[in-house]
Amino acid sequence: MILTIDIGNTTIALAAVQRTKVMDLKRLDTGADIRKVLASFRKKGYKFKVAVISSVVPKLTQKVEQITHKYANTKTIVVGRDLVVPLKNLYKNPKQVGQDRLVGAYAALLLYGKPVIVIDLGTAITFDIVSARGEYMGGAIVPGLRLSAESLFLKTAMLPKIALKAPKSVIGRTTKESILSGLFYGYGCLCHGFIELISRQLKAKPKVVMTGGHTRLMKKFISPKIRIIDEHLVHKGMALLVSR
């Protein structure tokens, strides 16, 4: 069994992965103490062969690595430092690509084939494309649901802070309903549009994989264009990296 840790901008997700099956997963706010999660994994009898960390928050990486090594009692590997994702990276500056994006693209390639588009619905919504040659081509980044909602609240005088939940109708009858409609239906249309544009550029019908923390919330707003939904894609990718 492999312990995978995905350190994002707003959450840390820890998973117990057997081959490519996620047996258990816990999400915490970024900066939260992960020791309780590691203790709960121990109580469940999980014994880890290795721990793998993918991080987009450099200042937290070493701290999480030290805690993991001590409390999970296993070797810890950091993606990008100790382990390179085996994809040809066509970014002009390959170092600019977040390791989570590369890991997700690698997992989608191995599990679902090529060409493929990965839509990761997290703090940011990222689109990552793997070509028919199996090369990481690049993608697109837009602010995620929570970031957009918080920006509306912080940068306007009269718009309220809202909890993210699926709207009942595309036509909002209150300010909160209108914001939710804009977020969910708006991002749904954005994802549909990007799929069409990317497909035209590829001159192909790529597979499309949806993943990330807001997958369940957004599923029905995007899913007519998406046949593959894999909330745990990055964790599976980390497991595949150390198992190959």
Foldseek 3Di string as FASTA:
>chain_A
DEWEWEADPFKIKIFDQDQLDTPDIDIDTHPDDCLVVLVVCVVVPDQHAEYEYFYPDVVCVVVVLVSCCVSNVYHYYYEPPRFDLPAAEPPPDSVPDGSLLSLLLSLCCVPPNDFEWEFAAEQKTWIWTQHNVRHTHGTDIGGHLQVVLVCCCVVDDPQHRDDAAAAPDLDDPDSRNVSNSCRQLVVLVVVVVRQVVVCVVNVHNHAYEYEYDCCVRNCVSNVVSHDHYDHCSSVSSRSVRVVD
